[in-house]
Amino acid sequence: MTKITAIIPTLNEEIHIADAIKSVSFADEIIVIDSYSTDKTLEIAEKLHVKIIKRKFDDFSSQKNFAIDQAAHNWIYILDADERVTPEVKKEILEAVKNPNGFVGFYIRRTFYFCEKKVNYSGFQRDKVIRLFLKEHCNYKGAVHERIAANGEIGFFKHKIDHFSYRNYDHYISKLNHYAAIRAKELHERGAKVNIYHVMIKPSARFFIHYFIRLGFLDGFTGFLVAKTQAYGVLTRYIKLWLLNNKKHLNGRI
């Protein structure tokens, strides 16, 4: 019951994958579930002797749940390739699986870095995710911003992991475009429509929330970039939804 399977989902993560794997070297099994990377991600992972599963990406929850089903152990630690388990969190993980005190999973807070610069505010001060959990009590729900649905009580770790989410601005935009496309497809399948509120009010509201309410202005220009780009992500989501909704009428003209 104290053995751990660490799972790392990947797609073209050659700059992150080695450090990610090394940071969970305490796990009894490490699985890399890859969405057919075209860079050196798998070549690097193979040299580190981890289990590799290739699966075409459909959505984040399905990808992670598929890997969880392949895990040899009940305790699962999910690690995004751009995250690093710190020595302090490693200690908490090992103590938690030995004595979970009735918890079926644990929230872990993250220290966010943007282009290697630590971001203290902008909404990330409240960032927390369930990363360690018992697979028999937890599974993922949601296509884009996936979350753990837990059948039981969730605890909290004291220390934070490091989150190097965006290596540069182009990478940030690329990720937001990817998330926007998935979310737009999800909304399209639900029959959602686009109106002036979605393209004029919602992006501005997202900027206001990140920059003012979540104190992004205290992060200086980095905070402004984060807020502005989050607003762009919202706008892009609804542009993509509009294009999907009007695909037959546009007939390839846009």
Foldseek 3Di string as FASTA:
>chain_A
DLAEEEEEEDAQLVVQQVQACVLVVVHPAYEYEYQPHPDCNVVNVVVVPHHYHYDHDDFDQVSVQVVVVVDPDFKYFYDYSQWGHDPLNVVVSSVCSVPVPFAFWEKAQEFEDALNHTQCWLPSVPHIATGIGGSVFWGWDDGQPIHIDGPGHYYYDDHHIYGDDYNHPVSVLVVLLVSLLRLLVVCVVVVDADDPCQQPPVLVVQLCCRVPVRVLVVVPPVSNSSSNSVSVSSNSSNVSNNCVVCVVVCVPVD
